[in-house]
Amino acid sequence: MGFFDLFATKQNSDKKYVNEETYRKNKENQLNMTPKILKQLRDLGVSESKELKLEYFFYTNTVDKAKKLAEEIQKLNYKVEYHISAGDKKLFVITGWTTKMIMSDTSVIEWTKKMCDLGYQFDCDYDGWGTEPNQE
């Protein structure tokens, strides 16, 4: 039994964290926000051909769901970790960094769709992405 297992409860694990309506609304919201974030990056001099790592965030209500999503994300060769959320001790955050990817609108929008779908598959809520435009 790991440290986080102490916080997992049977009641919590039976409860669905992301229902289909929430998933669809969040996906729509994320796909609307992505072009706005990309525009801000363009204003900072990040071209569509630039490659950057993206930091991503998911939330869920059990350690088991967080662990399973983290294991799946590791298959993408992304850095990933999960822990209890600082803002809500009943939630777990899954976060990390992608490998470098092209910052074209098309590729980042497709990646965003993939992250939304992946989160829903593991009953986790995709909470978006960020980056540092001046990466080495």
Foldseek 3Di string as FASTA:
>chain_A
DDPQVVLFDPVQVVDQQADPVNLVVLLVVQLVCLVVQLVVLVVVVQDQADWFKKKWKKKAQGPVLLVVLQVVVVVQVWDWDKDQDPVDNRMMMIITIHGIDGNHSVVVSVVSNVVSVSCVVSSIHTDHIDGDSDDD
